């Protein structure tokens, strides 16, 4: 069943046309290119713990039972990171700089939208690769610790890609993945806090590839609610149609001014691609 173009909110189309919209790309956007979801990344790291040259059977069993609960992801990542030490950074570097991983059609369509900038929690460089393919140029890429540069780009209305969780190519030891990491950037980094507040108070944000169960998404929404209590621009999130009908979706709309756009995830998320195609056509 094809995505219904008429279900795209008019407010989203207008925000894009008027250059008041930006994109937030989550892990789901890179899955079709061969990169893992939150859950699958935790599972891959558990395999690294299992391969350690000493007995980790008890830890692995506990990790495996906890990985089914998304609320445990950050805590699991914290403990696994401590267990692996340097191996954690080496694995993350190798996994997310694999040159055989190519941008998907969704990455290409993303760049057809007239967004002010792209925020992403992904560690890979698929958005940047798609940008180079399209424009034969390298986009300005910043990470959370570069608040001065973020402020400069925002003030001058220059396009950039903000790697909210860091970039393995810039500094893999600054990747954000654990409970302590999130606490540090959301509550102990005033420059980045200010940047997030400016971004979400002056732009409509379209969330792609995120889920209500993603721990990073949950923490971000809580941080923004603390700052604005649901005020500011209307934001949009395209989600699995099952999530768009539940109480959680209604609470996100009321508490965070975040409206959901449902799609059918069957056929390798074909409707997500169709949504981007229709949205691009509507804006043009």
C-alpha atoms as a PDB file:
ATOM      1  CA  UNK A   1       0.000   0.000   0.000  1.00  0.00           C
ATOM      2  CA  UNK A   2       1.451   3.351  -1.068  1.00  0.00           C
ATOM      3  CA  UNK A   3       1.948   6.275   1.302  1.00  0.00           C
ATOM      4  CA  UNK A   4      -0.954   8.737   1.006  1.00  0.00           C
ATOM      5  CA  UNK A   5       0.471  12.131   0.020  1.00  0.00           C
ATOM      6  CA  UNK A   6      -2.603  13.937   1.346  1.00  0.00           C
ATOM      7  CA  UNK A   7      -1.734  12.878   4.913  1.00  0.00           C
ATOM      8  CA  UNK A   8       1.372  15.098   4.933  1.00  0.00           C
ATOM      9  CA  UNK A   9       0.560  18.052   7.224  1.00  0.00           C
ATOM     10  CA  UNK A  10       0.231  21.381   5.393  1.00  0.00           C
ATOM     11  CA  UNK A  11       2.068  23.096   8.245  1.00  0.00           C
ATOM     12  CA  UNK A  12       5.150  20.957   7.587  1.00  0.00           C
ATOM     13  CA  UNK A  13       5.132  21.774   3.872  1.00  0.00           C
ATOM     14  CA  UNK A  14       4.782  25.499   4.573  1.00  0.00           C
ATOM     15  CA  UNK A  15       7.609  25.412   7.146  1.00  0.00           C
ATOM     16  CA  UNK A  16       9.922  23.812   4.567  1.00  0.00           C
ATOM     17  CA  UNK A  17       8.929  26.286   1.852  1.00  0.00           C
ATOM     18  CA  UNK A  18       9.563  29.204   4.202  1.00  0.00           C
ATOM     19  CA  UNK A  19      12.935  27.801   5.345  1.00  0.00           C
ATOM     20  CA  UNK A  20      11.723  27.357   8.913  1.00  0.00           C
ATOM     21  CA  UNK A  21      12.263  23.594   9.056  1.00  0.00           C
ATOM     22  CA  UNK A  22      15.238  21.357   9.796  1.00  0.00           C
ATOM     23  CA  UNK A  23      15.756  17.589   9.935  1.00  0.00           C
ATOM     24  CA  UNK A  24      16.589  15.297  12.841  1.00  0.00           C
ATOM     25  CA  UNK A  25      17.889  11.944  11.532  1.00  0.00           C
ATOM     26  CA  UNK A  26      17.870   8.943  13.876  1.00  0.00           C
ATOM     27  CA  UNK A  27      19.415   5.477  13.675  1.00  0.00           C
ATOM     28  CA  UNK A  28      16.480   4.098  11.674  1.00  0.00           C
ATOM     29  CA  UNK A  29      17.568   6.101   8.637  1.00  0.00           C
ATOM     30  CA  UNK A  30      20.838   4.146   8.346  1.00  0.00           C
ATOM     31  CA  UNK A  31      19.464   0.637   8.901  1.00  0.00           C
ATOM     32  CA  UNK A  32      18.700   0.100   5.197  1.00  0.00           C
ATOM     33  CA  UNK A  33      22.373   0.851   4.465  1.00  0.00           C
ATOM     34  CA  UNK A  34      23.475  -1.999   6.730  1.00  0.00           C
ATOM     35  CA  UNK A  35      24.069  -0.181  10.017  1.00  0.00           C
ATOM     36  CA  UNK A  36      22.476  -1.322  13.299  1.00  0.00           C
ATOM     37  CA  UNK A  37      19.517  -0.031  15.272  1.00  0.00           C
ATOM     38  CA  UNK A  38      20.029   0.829  18.950  1.00  0.00           C
ATOM     39  CA  UNK A  39      19.102  -2.706  19.968  1.00  0.00           C
ATOM     40  CA  UNK A  40      21.270  -4.389  17.344  1.00  0.00           C
ATOM     41  CA  UNK A  41      24.279  -2.237  18.246  1.00  0.00           C
ATOM     42  CA  UNK A  42      23.960  -3.302  21.886  1.00  0.00           C
ATOM     43  CA  UNK A  43      23.778  -6.939  20.718  1.00  0.00           C
ATOM     44  CA  UNK A  44      26.921  -6.505  18.627  1.00  0.00           C
ATOM     45  CA  UNK A  45      28.751  -5.046  21.627  1.00  0.00           C
ATOM     46  CA  UNK A  46      27.580  -7.959  23.776  1.00  0.00           C
ATOM     47  CA  UNK A  47      29.289 -10.264  21.259  1.00  0.00           C
ATOM     48  CA  UNK A  48      32.494  -8.302  21.821  1.00  0.00           C
ATOM     49  CA  UNK A  49      32.177  -8.886  25.564  1.00  0.00           C
ATOM     50  CA  UNK A  50      31.595 -12.587  24.915  1.00  0.00           C
ATOM     51  CA  UNK A  51      34.836 -12.716  22.910  1.00  0.00           C
ATOM     52  CA  UNK A  52      36.970 -11.317  25.758  1.00  0.00           C
ATOM     53  CA  UNK A  53      39.794 -13.667  26.871  1.00  0.00           C
ATOM     54  CA  UNK A  54      38.266 -14.392  30.282  1.00  0.00           C
ATOM     55  CA  UNK A  55      34.989 -15.715  31.641  1.00  0.00           C
ATOM     56  CA  UNK A  56      32.159 -13.285  30.837  1.00  0.00           C
ATOM     57  CA  UNK A  57      29.350 -15.841  30.630  1.00  0.00           C
ATOM     58  CA  UNK A  58      27.377 -14.424  33.563  1.00  0.00           C
ATOM     59  CA  UNK A  59      27.612 -10.850  32.285  1.00  0.00           C
ATOM     60  CA  UNK A  60      26.637 -11.888  28.759  1.00  0.00           C
ATOM     61  CA  UNK A  61      23.576 -13.746  30.047  1.00  0.00           C
ATOM     62  CA  UNK A  62      22.433 -10.714  32.006  1.00  0.00           C
ATOM     63  CA  UNK A  63      23.108  -8.330  29.120  1.00  0.00           C
ATOM     64  CA  UNK A  64      21.154 -10.583  26.757  1.00  0.00           C
ATOM     65  CA  UNK A  65      18.116 -10.616  29.040  1.00  0.00           C
ATOM     66  CA  UNK A  66      18.192  -6.829  29.536  1.00  0.00           C
ATOM     67  CA  UNK A  67      18.588  -5.924  25.862  1.00  0.00           C
ATOM     68  CA  UNK A  68      14.897  -6.653  25.270  1.00  0.00           C
ATOM     69  CA  UNK A  69      13.993  -3.614  27.371  1.00  0.00           C
ATOM     70  CA  UNK A  70      14.734  -0.285  25.605  1.00  0.00           C
ATOM     71  CA  UNK A  71      14.738   1.562  28.931  1.00  0.00           C
ATOM     72  CA  UNK A  72      17.891  -0.392  29.832  1.00  0.00           C
ATOM     73  CA  UNK A  73      19.922   0.519  26.738  1.00  0.00           C
ATOM     74  CA  UNK A  74      21.862   3.411  28.291  1.00  0.00           C
ATOM     75  CA  UNK A  75      22.660   1.472  31.436  1.00  0.00           C
ATOM     76  CA  UNK A  76      23.743  -1.537  29.357  1.00  0.00           C
ATOM     77  CA  UNK A  77      25.927   0.646  27.146  1.00  0.00           C
ATOM     78  CA  UNK A  78      27.576   2.096  30.261  1.00  0.00           C
ATOM     79  CA  UNK A  79      28.471  -1.310  31.692  1.00  0.00           C
ATOM     80  CA  UNK A  80      29.524  -2.797  28.358  1.00  0.00           C
ATOM     81  CA  UNK A  81      31.740   0.210  27.619  1.00  0.00           C
ATOM     82  CA  UNK A  82      33.463  -0.256  30.997  1.00  0.00           C
ATOM     83  CA  UNK A  83      33.929  -3.973  30.344  1.00  0.00           C
ATOM     84  CA  UNK A  84      35.419  -3.506  26.867  1.00  0.00           C
ATOM     85  CA  UNK A  85      37.683  -0.527  27.539  1.00  0.00           C
ATOM     86  CA  UNK A  86      39.746   0.303  24.438  1.00  0.00           C
ATOM     87  CA  UNK A  87      37.992  -2.457  22.474  1.00  0.00           C
ATOM     88  CA  UNK A  88      34.769  -0.417  22.653  1.00  0.00           C
ATOM     89  CA  UNK A  89      36.328   2.559  20.851  1.00  0.00           C
ATOM     90  CA  UNK A  90      38.108   0.357  18.317  1.00  0.00           C
ATOM     91  CA  UNK A  91      34.904  -1.495  17.488  1.00  0.00           C
ATOM     92  CA  UNK A  92      32.828   1.673  17.160  1.00  0.00           C
ATOM     93  CA  UNK A  93      35.468   3.250  14.927  1.00  0.00           C
ATOM     94  CA  UNK A  94      35.638   0.244  12.633  1.00  0.00           C
ATOM     95  CA  UNK A  95      31.859  -0.340  12.541  1.00  0.00           C
ATOM     96  CA  UNK A  96      30.891   3.203  11.596  1.00  0.00           C
ATOM     97  CA  UNK A  97      33.678   4.022   9.145  1.00  0.00           C
ATOM     98  CA  UNK A  98      33.182   0.930   6.996  1.00  0.00           C
ATOM     99  CA  UNK A  99      33.712   2.228   3.448  1.00  0.00           C
ATOM    100  CA  UNK A 100      31.452  -0.483   1.979  1.00  0.00           C
ATOM    101  CA  UNK A 101      28.436   1.145   3.672  1.00  0.00           C
ATOM    102  CA  UNK A 102      26.740   3.442   1.167  1.00  0.00           C
ATOM    103  CA  UNK A 103      23.985   6.067   1.507  1.00  0.00           C
ATOM    104  CA  UNK A 104      20.451   4.862   0.790  1.00  0.00           C
ATOM    105  CA  UNK A 105      17.872   6.551  -1.396  1.00  0.00           C
ATOM    106  CA  UNK A 106      16.416   8.080   1.786  1.00  0.00           C
ATOM    107  CA  UNK A 107      19.713   9.853   2.487  1.00  0.00           C
ATOM    108  CA  UNK A 108      19.643  11.272  -1.041  1.00  0.00           C
ATOM    109  CA  UNK A 109      16.001  12.391  -0.737  1.00  0.00           C
ATOM    110  CA  UNK A 110      16.771  13.999   2.593  1.00  0.00           C
ATOM    111  CA  UNK A 111      19.106  16.427   0.871  1.00  0.00           C
ATOM    112  CA  UNK A 112      16.427  17.429  -1.648  1.00  0.00           C
ATOM    113  CA  UNK A 113      14.489  19.064   1.187  1.00  0.00           C
ATOM    114  CA  UNK A 114      15.305  22.764   1.779  1.00  0.00           C
ATOM    115  CA  UNK A 115      16.243  22.320   5.435  1.00  0.00           C
ATOM    116  CA  UNK A 116      18.314  24.858   7.357  1.00  0.00           C
ATOM    117  CA  UNK A 117      20.541  22.134   8.790  1.00  0.00           C
ATOM    118  CA  UNK A 118      20.487  18.446   9.672  1.00  0.00           C
ATOM    119  CA  UNK A 119      20.842  17.115  13.199  1.00  0.00           C
ATOM    120  CA  UNK A 120      21.723  13.456  13.549  1.00  0.00           C
ATOM    121  CA  UNK A 121      22.388  11.078  16.413  1.00  0.00           C
ATOM    122  CA  UNK A 122      24.117   8.700  13.998  1.00  0.00           C
ATOM    123  CA  UNK A 123      27.852   8.073  14.247  1.00  0.00           C
ATOM    124  CA  UNK A 124      28.216   7.270  10.525  1.00  0.00           C
ATOM    125  CA  UNK A 125      28.937   9.702   7.697  1.00  0.00           C
ATOM    126  CA  UNK A 126      26.212   8.592   5.270  1.00  0.00           C
ATOM    127  CA  UNK A 127      24.573  12.024   5.184  1.00  0.00           C
ATOM    128  CA  UNK A 128      27.921  13.599   4.353  1.00  0.00           C
ATOM    129  CA  UNK A 129      28.575  10.992   1.636  1.00  0.00           C
ATOM    130  CA  UNK A 130      25.170  11.681   0.085  1.00  0.00           C
ATOM    131  CA  UNK A 131      25.923  15.426   0.223  1.00  0.00           C
ATOM    132  CA  UNK A 132      29.209  14.932  -1.636  1.00  0.00           C
ATOM    133  CA  UNK A 133      27.469  12.807  -4.288  1.00  0.00           C
ATOM    134  CA  UNK A 134      24.805  15.459  -4.813  1.00  0.00           C
ATOM    135  CA  UNK A 135      26.787  18.700  -4.551  1.00  0.00           C
ATOM    136  CA  UNK A 136      30.384  17.577  -5.212  1.00  0.00           C
ATOM    137  CA  UNK A 137      31.345  19.392  -2.035  1.00  0.00           C
ATOM    138  CA  UNK A 138      31.893  18.546   1.642  1.00  0.00           C
ATOM    139  CA  UNK A 139      29.287  19.857   4.127  1.00  0.00           C
ATOM    140  CA  UNK A 140      30.298  21.645   7.308  1.00  0.00           C
ATOM    141  CA  UNK A 141      30.143  18.939   9.981  1.00  0.00           C
ATOM    142  CA  UNK A 142      30.117  19.826  13.682  1.00  0.00           C
ATOM    143  CA  UNK A 143      29.830  17.875  16.920  1.00  0.00           C
ATOM    144  CA  UNK A 144      28.191  18.787  20.233  1.00  0.00           C
ATOM    145  CA  UNK A 145      31.402  20.186  21.756  1.00  0.00           C
ATOM    146  CA  UNK A 146      31.695  22.899  19.059  1.00  0.00           C
ATOM    147  CA  UNK A 147      29.015  25.213  20.482  1.00  0.00           C
ATOM    148  CA  UNK A 148      30.831  28.348  19.266  1.00  0.00           C
ATOM    149  CA  UNK A 149      30.811  27.093  15.670  1.00  0.00           C
ATOM    150  CA  UNK A 150      27.188  25.965  15.960  1.00  0.00           C
ATOM    151  CA  UNK A 151      26.201  29.465  17.106  1.00  0.00           C
ATOM    152  CA  UNK A 152      28.128  31.011  14.186  1.00  0.00           C
ATOM    153  CA  UNK A 153      26.382  28.790  11.621  1.00  0.00           C
ATOM    154  CA  UNK A 154      22.953  29.474  13.102  1.00  0.00           C
ATOM    155  CA  UNK A 155      23.502  33.240  13.143  1.00  0.00           C
ATOM    156  CA  UNK A 156      24.744  33.297   9.554  1.00  0.00           C
ATOM    157  CA  UNK A 157      22.055  30.865   8.352  1.00  0.00           C
ATOM    158  CA  UNK A 158      24.666  28.524   6.872  1.00  0.00           C
ATOM    159  CA  UNK A 159      23.816  24.877   6.267  1.00  0.00           C
ATOM    160  CA  UNK A 160      25.626  22.342   8.469  1.00  0.00           C
ATOM    161  CA  UNK A 161      25.347  18.787   9.765  1.00  0.00           C
ATOM    162  CA  UNK A 162      25.377  18.550  13.563  1.00  0.00           C
ATOM    163  CA  UNK A 163      26.483  15.154  14.887  1.00  0.00           C
ATOM    164  CA  UNK A 164      24.659  15.339  18.215  1.00  0.00           C
ATOM    165  CA  UNK A 165      26.342  12.176  19.520  1.00  0.00           C
ATOM    166  CA  UNK A 166      29.763  12.813  18.052  1.00  0.00           C
ATOM    167  CA  UNK A 167      31.552  11.475  15.004  1.00  0.00           C
ATOM    168  CA  UNK A 168      33.918   8.494  14.974  1.00  0.00           C
ATOM    169  CA  UNK A 169      36.119  10.253  12.418  1.00  0.00           C
ATOM    170  CA  UNK A 170      36.546  13.387  14.542  1.00  0.00           C
ATOM    171  CA  UNK A 171      37.088  11.758  17.936  1.00  0.00           C
ATOM    172  CA  UNK A 172      35.745   8.283  18.681  1.00  0.00           C
ATOM    173  CA  UNK A 173      36.493   8.738  22.384  1.00  0.00           C
ATOM    174  CA  UNK A 174      33.931  11.578  22.497  1.00  0.00           C
ATOM    175  CA  UNK A 175      31.023   9.436  21.281  1.00  0.00           C
ATOM    176  CA  UNK A 176      27.809   9.792  23.265  1.00  0.00           C
ATOM    177  CA  UNK A 177      26.170   6.455  24.042  1.00  0.00           C
ATOM    178  CA  UNK A 178      25.981   5.786  27.764  1.00  0.00           C
ATOM    179  CA  UNK A 179      23.965   7.170  30.658  1.00  0.00           C
ATOM    180  CA  UNK A 180      26.907   9.233  31.910  1.00  0.00           C
ATOM    181  CA  UNK A 181      27.549  10.591  28.411  1.00  0.00           C
ATOM    182  CA  UNK A 182      23.987  11.868  28.054  1.00  0.00           C
ATOM    183  CA  UNK A 183      23.984  13.397  31.491  1.00  0.00           C
ATOM    184  CA  UNK A 184      27.165  15.263  30.601  1.00  0.00           C
ATOM    185  CA  UNK A 185      25.957  16.838  27.323  1.00  0.00           C
ATOM    186  CA  UNK A 186      22.372  17.536  28.383  1.00  0.00           C
ATOM    187  CA  UNK A 187      23.018  18.915  31.843  1.00  0.00           C
ATOM    188  CA  UNK A 188      26.697  19.899  32.104  1.00  0.00           C
ATOM    189  CA  UNK A 189      27.358  21.510  28.718  1.00  0.00           C
ATOM    190  CA  UNK A 190      25.751  24.985  28.799  1.00  0.00           C
ATOM    191  CA  UNK A 191      26.914  25.921  25.293  1.00  0.00           C
ATOM    192  CA  UNK A 192      25.319  22.862  23.714  1.00  0.00           C
ATOM    193  CA  UNK A 193      22.205  23.275  25.876  1.00  0.00           C
ATOM    194  CA  UNK A 194      21.789  26.819  24.571  1.00  0.00           C
ATOM    195  CA  UNK A 195      22.274  25.658  20.982  1.00  0.00           C
ATOM    196  CA  UNK A 196      19.590  22.977  21.365  1.00  0.00           C
ATOM    197  CA  UNK A 197      17.185  25.486  22.873  1.00  0.00           C
ATOM    198  CA  UNK A 198      17.731  27.925  20.002  1.00  0.00           C
ATOM    199  CA  UNK A 199      17.355  25.161  17.414  1.00  0.00           C
ATOM    200  CA  UNK A 200      14.090  23.798  18.805  1.00  0.00           C
ATOM    201  CA  UNK A 201      12.572  27.191  19.610  1.00  0.00           C
ATOM    202  CA  UNK A 202      13.199  28.716  16.171  1.00  0.00           C
ATOM    203  CA  UNK A 203      12.726  25.750  13.819  1.00  0.00           C
ATOM    204  CA  UNK A 204      10.083  23.172  13.044  1.00  0.00           C
ATOM    205  CA  UNK A 205      11.929  19.861  13.337  1.00  0.00           C
ATOM    206  CA  UNK A 206      11.064  16.809  11.248  1.00  0.00           C
ATOM    207  CA  UNK A 207      12.198  13.595  12.978  1.00  0.00           C
ATOM    208  CA  UNK A 208      13.141  10.755  10.625  1.00  0.00           C
ATOM    209  CA  UNK A 209      14.393   7.325  11.679  1.00  0.00           C
ATOM    210  CA  UNK A 210      13.559   7.831  15.355  1.00  0.00           C
ATOM    211  CA  UNK A 211      11.252   5.859  17.618  1.00  0.00           C
ATOM    212  CA  UNK A 212       9.414   6.652  20.841  1.00  0.00           C
ATOM    213  CA  UNK A 213      11.470   3.889  22.476  1.00  0.00           C
ATOM    214  CA  UNK A 214      14.885   5.308  21.497  1.00  0.00           C
ATOM    215  CA  UNK A 215      16.562   6.389  24.757  1.00  0.00           C
ATOM    216  CA  UNK A 216      18.247   9.391  23.126  1.00  0.00           C
ATOM    217  CA  UNK A 217      14.907  10.616  21.780  1.00  0.00           C
ATOM    218  CA  UNK A 218      13.254  10.215  25.199  1.00  0.00           C
ATOM    219  CA  UNK A 219      15.989  12.197  26.971  1.00  0.00           C
ATOM    220  CA  UNK A 220      15.923  14.951  24.355  1.00  0.00           C
ATOM    221  CA  UNK A 221      12.155  15.358  24.671  1.00  0.00           C
ATOM    222  CA  UNK A 222      12.392  15.530  28.465  1.00  0.00           C
ATOM    223  CA  UNK A 223      15.127  18.158  28.244  1.00  0.00           C
ATOM    224  CA  UNK A 224      13.078  20.280  25.840  1.00  0.00           C
ATOM    225  CA  UNK A 225       9.923  19.907  27.896  1.00  0.00           C
ATOM    226  CA  UNK A 226      11.810  21.153  30.954  1.00  0.00           C
ATOM    227  CA  UNK A 227      12.846  24.220  28.954  1.00  0.00           C
ATOM    228  CA  UNK A 228       9.603  24.993  27.075  1.00  0.00           C
ATOM    229  CA  UNK A 229       6.770  22.925  28.615  1.00  0.00           C
ATOM    230  CA  UNK A 230       5.437  22.112  25.149  1.00  0.00           C
ATOM    231  CA  UNK A 231       5.695  25.655  23.784  1.00  0.00           C
ATOM    232  CA  UNK A 232       7.464  26.808  20.622  1.00  0.00           C
ATOM    233  CA  UNK A 233       7.102  25.592  17.020  1.00  0.00           C
ATOM    234  CA  UNK A 234       5.187  22.488  16.010  1.00  0.00           C
ATOM    235  CA  UNK A 235       7.451  19.506  15.334  1.00  0.00           C
ATOM    236  CA  UNK A 236       6.712  16.390  13.286  1.00  0.00           C
ATOM    237  CA  UNK A 237       7.811  12.773  13.469  1.00  0.00           C
ATOM    238  CA  UNK A 238       7.137  10.005  10.955  1.00  0.00           C
ATOM    239  CA  UNK A 239       6.615   6.771  12.875  1.00  0.00           C
ATOM    240  CA  UNK A 240       5.425   3.199  12.529  1.00  0.00           C
ATOM    241  CA  UNK A 241       1.629   3.411  12.266  1.00  0.00           C
ATOM    242  CA  UNK A 242       1.246   1.254  15.373  1.00  0.00           C
ATOM    243  CA  UNK A 243       3.054   3.872  17.470  1.00  0.00           C
ATOM    244  CA  UNK A 244       1.029   6.752  16.069  1.00  0.00           C
ATOM    245  CA  UNK A 245      -2.210   5.397  17.517  1.00  0.00           C
ATOM    246  CA  UNK A 246      -1.202   4.892  21.118  1.00  0.00           C
ATOM    247  CA  UNK A 247      -1.372   7.002  24.266  1.00  0.00           C
ATOM    248  CA  UNK A 248       2.340   7.764  23.978  1.00  0.00           C
ATOM    249  CA  UNK A 249       1.832   9.557  20.656  1.00  0.00           C
ATOM    250  CA  UNK A 250      -0.974  11.621  22.136  1.00  0.00           C
ATOM    251  CA  UNK A 251       1.174  12.607  25.103  1.00  0.00           C
ATOM    252  CA  UNK A 252       4.019  13.661  22.789  1.00  0.00           C
ATOM    253  CA  UNK A 253       1.622  15.898  20.882  1.00  0.00           C
ATOM    254  CA  UNK A 254       0.235  17.490  24.036  1.00  0.00           C
ATOM    255  CA  UNK A 255       3.460  17.676  26.082  1.00  0.00           C
ATOM    256  CA  UNK A 256       6.044  18.377  23.371  1.00  0.00           C
ATOM    257  CA  UNK A 257       3.966  19.823  20.494  1.00  0.00           C
ATOM    258  CA  UNK A 258       5.198  16.858  18.446  1.00  0.00           C
ATOM    259  CA  UNK A 259       2.749  15.555  15.840  1.00  0.00           C
ATOM    260  CA  UNK A 260       3.109  12.063  14.401  1.00  0.00           C
ATOM    261  CA  UNK A 261       2.814  11.088  10.731  1.00  0.00           C
ATOM    262  CA  UNK A 262       2.011   7.347  10.486  1.00  0.00           C
ATOM    263  CA  UNK A 263       3.440   5.034   7.847  1.00  0.00           C
ATOM    264  CA  UNK A 264       3.448   1.299   7.181  1.00  0.00           C
ATOM    265  CA  UNK A 265       6.955  -0.151   7.794  1.00  0.00           C
ATOM    266  CA  UNK A 266       6.398  -3.208   5.568  1.00  0.00           C
ATOM    267  CA  UNK A 267       8.458  -3.842   2.421  1.00  0.00           C
ATOM    268  CA  UNK A 268      11.682  -2.558   3.963  1.00  0.00           C
ATOM    269  CA  UNK A 269      10.076   0.768   4.979  1.00  0.00           C
ATOM    270  CA  UNK A 270       9.114   1.596   1.394  1.00  0.00           C
ATOM    271  CA  UNK A 271       6.474   4.075   2.574  1.00  0.00           C
ATOM    272  CA  UNK A 272       9.168   6.142   4.310  1.00  0.00           C
ATOM    273  CA  UNK A 273      10.853   6.611   0.938  1.00  0.00           C
ATOM    274  CA  UNK A 274       7.495   7.454  -0.652  1.00  0.00           C
ATOM    275  CA  UNK A 275       6.827   9.996   2.105  1.00  0.00           C
ATOM    276  CA  UNK A 276      10.125  11.762   1.345  1.00  0.00           C
ATOM    277  CA  UNK A 277       9.373  11.716  -2.387  1.00  0.00           C
ATOM    278  CA  UNK A 278       5.895  13.233  -1.857  1.00  0.00           C
ATOM    279  CA  UNK A 279       7.234  15.799   0.606  1.00  0.00           C
ATOM    280  CA  UNK A 280       9.959  16.889  -1.806  1.00  0.00           C
ATOM    281  CA  UNK A 281       7.442  17.210  -4.625  1.00  0.00           C
ATOM    282  CA  UNK A 282       5.069  19.214  -2.416  1.00  0.00           C
ATOM    283  CA  UNK A 283       7.804  21.657  -1.456  1.00  0.00           C
ATOM    284  CA  UNK A 284       9.013  22.134  -5.026  1.00  0.00           C
END
